[in-house]
């Protein structure tokens, strides 16, 4: 029977992958083994602690279902999701040579655990907040490429929680879609829709990730934001947010997703007629933001 010193175990595991058929898989798994073993040695992990870790990951998996993804939440709150996003966007930028007059593309951020595929496609200017708690807000702007050319027929998926801090996915198995839709830009790249002014909310903290956050002495809150995902032929897909500049926790997002370029001042307006002709009998807000997409390589 082969015996290994603690420092040799990682290399022994890596050596066993000599015949791995996928080079990238071998590269990733070799690095994972190397760093995982280094972590165990650094903290001198005990058997009881390792079993607690196994039980924690088991509980994370058990919390997942069709509408809840606890592993995404774990990745988000550890900053790993945002790190992967940042690396991927930097990789995409390095793969192409921008023209001298190009503007920086809109920065990406995390997808989050509440994306629900199959949102209805609605006409420009539609209101997706009917029946939802919150103050009305008009979202509008343009989608262009980095050279300022309009991107027509771009698909803009949007979704958010309500003013009470809940997404439709959190409202029970039979809850319908709410505060989410897909829109298309017009020939000039313009988009518009009505929703609510986003409010801060806690990420789900009733499971193992919430217990982990409490153990870290961290709060679970995210600043108010509108999720957006843009897709257009001939351009790279963009997943990002629009953050309310006045929202609490803008400087301490639980998932580290805030980027300064995505922080927006929501204009506050007295009751009256909005620019699209809608008449409101209460205070309303507007969020103006132009997205810039990266042309596909």
Protein backbone atom coordinates (compact mmCIF):
# COMPACT_ATOMS: atom_id res chain seq x y z
CA UNK A 1 0.00 0.00 0.00
CA UNK A 2 1.37 3.39 -0.98
CA UNK A 3 1.88 5.88 1.82
CA UNK A 4 2.01 9.63 1.32
CA UNK A 5 3.21 12.47 3.45
CA UNK A 6 0.60 15.21 3.84
CA UNK A 7 2.39 17.52 1.43
CA UNK A 8 2.60 14.77 -1.22
CA UNK A 9 -1.09 13.82 -1.24
CA UNK A 10 -2.17 16.62 -3.56
CA UNK A 11 0.43 15.70 -6.16
CA UNK A 12 -0.55 12.04 -5.90
CA UNK A 13 -4.15 12.92 -6.72
CA UNK A 14 -3.05 15.14 -9.61
CA UNK A 15 -0.81 12.38 -10.97
CA UNK A 16 -3.79 10.02 -11.10
CA UNK A 17 -5.34 12.35 -13.70
CA UNK A 18 -2.57 11.78 -16.22
CA UNK A 19 -4.97 10.11 -18.67
CA UNK A 20 -7.85 12.57 -18.28
CA UNK A 21 -9.32 12.97 -21.81
CA UNK A 22 -10.28 16.65 -21.45
CA UNK A 23 -7.24 18.95 -20.98
CA UNK A 24 -9.28 21.85 -19.58
CA UNK A 25 -11.03 19.59 -17.08
CA UNK A 26 -7.65 18.25 -16.01
CA UNK A 27 -6.30 21.78 -15.60
CA UNK A 28 -9.25 22.94 -13.50
CA UNK A 29 -9.35 19.84 -11.30
CA UNK A 30 -5.58 19.87 -10.75
CA UNK A 31 -5.76 23.46 -9.52
CA UNK A 32 -8.77 22.65 -7.35
CA UNK A 33 -6.97 19.73 -5.69
CA UNK A 34 -3.80 21.78 -5.20
CA UNK A 35 -5.56 24.71 -3.53
CA UNK A 36 -8.02 22.61 -1.53
CA UNK A 37 -5.18 20.58 -0.02
CA UNK A 38 -3.25 23.79 0.69
CA UNK A 39 -6.32 25.19 2.49
CA UNK A 40 -6.63 22.08 4.68
CA UNK A 41 -2.95 22.28 5.62
CA UNK A 42 -3.07 26.04 6.26
CA UNK A 43 -5.95 25.89 8.76
CA UNK A 44 -5.02 22.42 10.07
CA UNK A 45 -8.59 21.25 9.51
CA UNK A 46 -9.87 18.72 12.04
CA UNK A 47 -12.05 15.71 11.13
CA UNK A 48 -15.01 17.24 12.99
CA UNK A 49 -14.62 20.51 11.08
CA UNK A 50 -14.39 18.70 7.76
CA UNK A 51 -17.58 16.77 8.59
CA UNK A 52 -19.30 20.06 9.43
CA UNK A 53 -18.23 21.33 6.03
CA UNK A 54 -19.66 18.25 4.31
CA UNK A 55 -22.92 18.63 6.20
CA UNK A 56 -23.06 22.32 5.25
CA UNK A 57 -22.68 21.56 1.53
CA UNK A 58 -25.26 18.77 1.84
CA UNK A 59 -27.72 21.23 3.39
CA UNK A 60 -27.01 23.75 0.61
CA UNK A 61 -27.96 21.12 -1.97
CA UNK A 62 -31.06 20.11 -0.05
CA UNK A 63 -32.30 23.74 -0.11
CA UNK A 64 -32.26 23.83 -3.92
CA UNK A 65 -35.42 23.32 -5.94
CA UNK A 66 -36.98 24.64 -9.15
CA UNK A 67 -37.34 28.15 -7.71
CA UNK A 68 -34.47 28.37 -5.22
CA UNK A 69 -30.77 27.98 -5.99
CA UNK A 70 -28.86 27.96 -2.71
CA UNK A 71 -25.57 27.14 -4.44
CA UNK A 72 -25.81 30.32 -6.54
CA UNK A 73 -26.51 32.21 -3.32
CA UNK A 74 -23.45 30.63 -1.71
CA UNK A 75 -21.30 31.57 -4.70
CA UNK A 76 -22.71 35.11 -4.70
CA UNK A 77 -22.16 35.79 -1.00
CA UNK A 78 -18.59 34.49 -1.13
CA UNK A 79 -17.81 36.90 -3.96
CA UNK A 80 -17.01 34.06 -6.36
CA UNK A 81 -19.83 34.83 -8.78
CA UNK A 82 -18.67 38.43 -9.11
CA UNK A 83 -15.06 37.34 -9.57
CA UNK A 84 -16.05 34.98 -12.40
CA UNK A 85 -18.06 37.80 -14.03
CA UNK A 86 -15.14 40.24 -13.79
CA UNK A 87 -12.67 37.73 -15.24
CA UNK A 88 -15.02 36.84 -18.08
CA UNK A 89 -15.63 40.47 -19.02
CA UNK A 90 -11.89 41.20 -18.91
CA UNK A 91 -11.26 38.15 -21.10
CA UNK A 92 -13.79 39.38 -23.63
CA UNK A 93 -12.19 42.83 -23.72
CA UNK A 94 -8.74 41.36 -24.23
CA UNK A 95 -9.96 39.26 -27.16
CA UNK A 96 -10.72 42.26 -29.37
CA UNK A 97 -9.06 45.52 -30.33
CA UNK A 98 -11.44 48.46 -29.84
CA UNK A 99 -11.50 51.37 -32.25
CA UNK A 100 -9.95 54.63 -30.96
CA UNK A 101 -13.32 56.37 -30.60
CA UNK A 102 -15.10 53.52 -28.82
CA UNK A 103 -16.67 54.00 -25.40
CA UNK A 104 -16.33 51.45 -22.58
CA UNK A 105 -19.05 48.81 -22.59
CA UNK A 106 -21.61 48.63 -19.82
CA UNK A 107 -20.14 46.67 -16.94
CA UNK A 108 -21.54 43.26 -16.06
CA UNK A 109 -22.53 41.96 -12.67
CA UNK A 110 -24.03 38.81 -11.15
CA UNK A 111 -27.09 37.01 -12.55
CA UNK A 112 -28.37 36.22 -9.07
CA UNK A 113 -30.59 33.32 -7.97
CA UNK A 114 -33.93 34.81 -9.08
CA UNK A 115 -33.74 34.72 -12.88
CA UNK A 116 -36.80 32.93 -14.28
CA UNK A 117 -36.59 31.97 -17.94
CA UNK A 118 -39.61 32.52 -20.12
CA UNK A 119 -40.80 35.97 -19.03
CA UNK A 120 -43.51 37.39 -21.33
CA UNK A 121 -42.45 39.69 -24.16
CA UNK A 122 -44.34 42.98 -23.90
CA UNK A 123 -44.66 46.11 -26.02
CA UNK A 124 -42.43 49.08 -25.26
CA UNK A 125 -43.82 51.24 -22.48
CA UNK A 126 -45.77 48.43 -20.81
CA UNK A 127 -46.22 48.38 -17.03
CA UNK A 128 -44.89 45.22 -15.36
CA UNK A 129 -45.76 46.35 -11.82
CA UNK A 130 -49.53 45.87 -11.83
CA UNK A 131 -50.57 44.53 -8.43
CA UNK A 132 -47.06 44.77 -6.95
CA UNK A 133 -46.12 46.87 -3.94
CA UNK A 134 -43.87 49.81 -4.77
CA UNK A 135 -43.58 53.33 -6.13
CA UNK A 136 -43.99 53.65 -9.92
CA UNK A 137 -40.85 54.20 -11.96
CA UNK A 138 -40.32 54.74 -15.67
CA UNK A 139 -37.21 53.10 -17.12
CA UNK A 140 -35.97 54.40 -20.45
CA UNK A 141 -32.86 54.85 -22.55
CA UNK A 142 -30.99 53.44 -25.51
CA UNK A 143 -28.99 50.35 -26.36
CA UNK A 144 -25.97 51.01 -28.57
CA UNK A 145 -22.71 49.32 -29.37
CA UNK A 146 -19.43 50.72 -28.06
CA UNK A 147 -19.14 52.99 -31.12
CA UNK A 148 -22.51 54.59 -30.35
CA UNK A 149 -24.45 52.88 -33.12
CA UNK A 150 -28.02 51.93 -32.10
CA UNK A 151 -28.73 48.24 -31.57
CA UNK A 152 -32.20 47.55 -32.95
CA UNK A 153 -34.35 44.62 -31.85
CA UNK A 154 -32.17 43.89 -28.82
CA UNK A 155 -33.95 41.73 -26.24
CA UNK A 156 -34.00 43.32 -22.78
CA UNK A 157 -35.00 40.98 -19.95
CA UNK A 158 -35.81 42.83 -16.72
CA UNK A 159 -36.82 41.61 -13.26
CA UNK A 160 -36.82 42.79 -9.66
CA UNK A 161 -38.30 42.20 -6.24
CA UNK A 162 -41.23 44.21 -4.87
CA UNK A 163 -41.19 47.00 -2.28
CA UNK A 164 -41.56 44.40 0.48
CA UNK A 165 -38.33 42.71 -0.56
CA UNK A 166 -39.69 39.61 -2.27
CA UNK A 167 -39.36 38.21 -5.79
CA UNK A 168 -42.20 36.28 -7.40
CA UNK A 169 -40.11 33.10 -7.07
CA UNK A 170 -40.29 33.48 -3.28
CA UNK A 171 -44.09 33.69 -3.10
CA UNK A 172 -44.99 30.02 -3.28
CA UNK A 173 -45.05 27.24 -5.81
CA UNK A 174 -48.17 28.53 -7.58
CA UNK A 175 -47.24 32.23 -7.65
CA UNK A 176 -47.29 33.69 -11.18
CA UNK A 177 -44.54 35.79 -12.74
CA UNK A 178 -44.53 39.38 -11.51
CA UNK A 179 -42.22 42.35 -12.01
CA UNK A 180 -40.44 40.68 -14.90
CA UNK A 181 -40.76 40.83 -18.69
CA UNK A 182 -38.83 41.02 -21.94
CA UNK A 183 -38.80 44.07 -24.21
CA UNK A 184 -37.34 44.85 -27.64
CA UNK A 185 -35.52 48.00 -28.68
CA UNK A 186 -36.81 50.02 -31.62
CA UNK A 187 -34.88 51.03 -34.74
CA UNK A 188 -33.04 53.73 -32.77
CA UNK A 189 -32.12 51.32 -29.98
CA UNK A 190 -34.62 52.86 -27.57
CA UNK A 191 -36.39 50.96 -24.79
CA UNK A 192 -38.93 51.95 -22.15
CA UNK A 193 -41.12 50.27 -19.55
CA UNK A 194 -42.84 50.96 -16.24
CA UNK A 195 -42.04 49.08 -13.04
CA UNK A 196 -41.29 50.17 -9.48
CA UNK A 197 -38.41 52.02 -7.86
CA UNK A 198 -36.28 49.16 -6.50
CA UNK A 199 -35.81 48.76 -2.76
CA UNK A 200 -33.17 47.00 -0.71
CA UNK A 201 -33.91 43.48 0.50
CA UNK A 202 -32.21 40.59 2.30
CA UNK A 203 -31.08 37.56 0.35
CA UNK A 204 -32.77 34.40 1.66
CA UNK A 205 -31.25 33.88 5.10
CA UNK A 206 -33.36 30.99 6.37
CA UNK A 207 -30.98 28.33 5.07
CA UNK A 208 -27.35 27.30 5.42
CA UNK A 209 -26.03 30.38 3.58
CA UNK A 210 -27.89 32.63 6.03
CA UNK A 211 -26.36 30.72 8.92
CA UNK A 212 -22.93 31.17 7.33
CA UNK A 213 -23.47 34.93 6.99
CA UNK A 214 -24.46 35.23 10.64
CA UNK A 215 -21.36 33.27 11.61
CA UNK A 216 -19.29 35.75 9.57
CA UNK A 217 -20.95 38.70 11.33
CA UNK A 218 -22.35 39.93 8.00
CA UNK A 219 -25.72 41.36 7.01
CA UNK A 220 -27.67 39.69 4.16
CA UNK A 221 -28.89 42.83 2.40
CA UNK A 222 -28.64 43.96 -1.20
CA UNK A 223 -29.21 47.58 -2.29
CA UNK A 224 -32.22 48.28 -4.49
CA UNK A 225 -31.62 47.29 -8.11
CA UNK A 226 -33.28 46.33 -11.38
CA UNK A 227 -31.86 43.21 -13.02
CA UNK A 228 -31.26 43.44 -16.77
CA UNK A 229 -30.04 40.95 -19.34
CA UNK A 230 -29.47 42.14 -22.90
CA UNK A 231 -29.12 39.91 -25.94
CA UNK A 232 -28.70 41.06 -29.53
CA UNK A 233 -27.54 39.39 -32.72
CA UNK A 234 -23.87 40.13 -33.38
CA UNK A 235 -23.20 41.28 -29.81
CA UNK A 236 -22.05 39.70 -26.58
CA UNK A 237 -24.77 38.99 -24.00
CA UNK A 238 -24.75 41.39 -21.05
CA UNK A 239 -26.04 40.56 -17.56
CA UNK A 240 -26.09 43.57 -15.28
CA UNK A 241 -28.09 45.67 -12.76
CA UNK A 242 -29.22 49.27 -12.37
CA UNK A 243 -28.68 50.32 -8.75
CA UNK A 244 -30.61 53.08 -6.96
CA UNK A 245 -28.04 55.65 -5.78
CA UNK A 246 -30.11 56.45 -2.67
CA UNK A 247 -30.55 52.87 -1.55
CA UNK A 248 -29.21 51.62 1.79
CA UNK A 249 -26.37 49.10 1.55
CA UNK A 250 -25.08 50.56 -1.72
CA UNK A 251 -21.60 50.37 -0.15
CA UNK A 252 -21.96 46.90 1.39
CA UNK A 253 -23.86 44.72 -1.09
CA UNK A 254 -24.05 41.19 0.34
CA UNK A 255 -23.01 39.72 -3.03
CA UNK A 256 -20.38 42.35 -3.97
CA UNK A 257 -22.20 43.17 -7.22
CA UNK A 258 -22.22 46.98 -7.15
CA UNK A 259 -20.13 48.84 -9.74
CA UNK A 260 -19.99 52.61 -9.74
CA UNK A 261 -20.95 52.83 -13.41
CA UNK A 262 -24.23 51.03 -12.66
CA UNK A 263 -25.40 53.40 -9.91
CA UNK A 264 -28.25 55.62 -11.15
CA UNK A 265 -29.97 58.67 -9.68
CA UNK A 266 -33.70 58.05 -9.87
CA UNK A 267 -35.46 61.32 -10.69
CA UNK A 268 -38.41 62.11 -8.40
CA UNK A 269 -41.51 63.71 -9.91
CA UNK A 270 -44.74 65.14 -8.55
CA UNK A 271 -48.08 63.70 -9.67
CA UNK A 272 -48.88 64.61 -13.25
CA UNK A 273 -48.22 63.56 -16.82
CA UNK A 274 -45.12 61.49 -17.58
CA UNK A 275 -43.12 61.98 -20.82
CA UNK A 276 -44.85 58.98 -22.41
CA UNK A 277 -48.28 60.52 -21.75
CA UNK A 278 -49.21 58.43 -18.75
CA UNK A 279 -51.05 60.40 -16.04
CA UNK A 280 -50.13 59.56 -12.46
CA UNK A 281 -51.94 60.73 -9.33
CA UNK A 282 -48.98 60.05 -7.03
CA UNK A 283 -45.24 60.59 -6.87
CA UNK A 284 -43.30 58.71 -9.52
CA UNK A 285 -39.66 58.23 -10.53
CA UNK A 286 -37.67 57.81 -13.69
CA UNK A 287 -34.48 55.91 -14.39
CA UNK A 288 -32.59 56.94 -17.53
CA UNK A 289 -29.75 54.66 -18.57
CA UNK A 290 -28.00 53.86 -21.86
CA UNK A 291 -26.50 50.42 -22.30
CA UNK A 292 -23.45 49.79 -24.49
CA UNK A 293 -22.97 46.27 -25.87
CA UNK A 294 -19.73 44.73 -27.08
CA UNK A 295 -19.79 43.50 -30.70
CA UNK A 296 -19.20 39.78 -30.98
CA UNK A 297 -15.66 38.76 -31.80
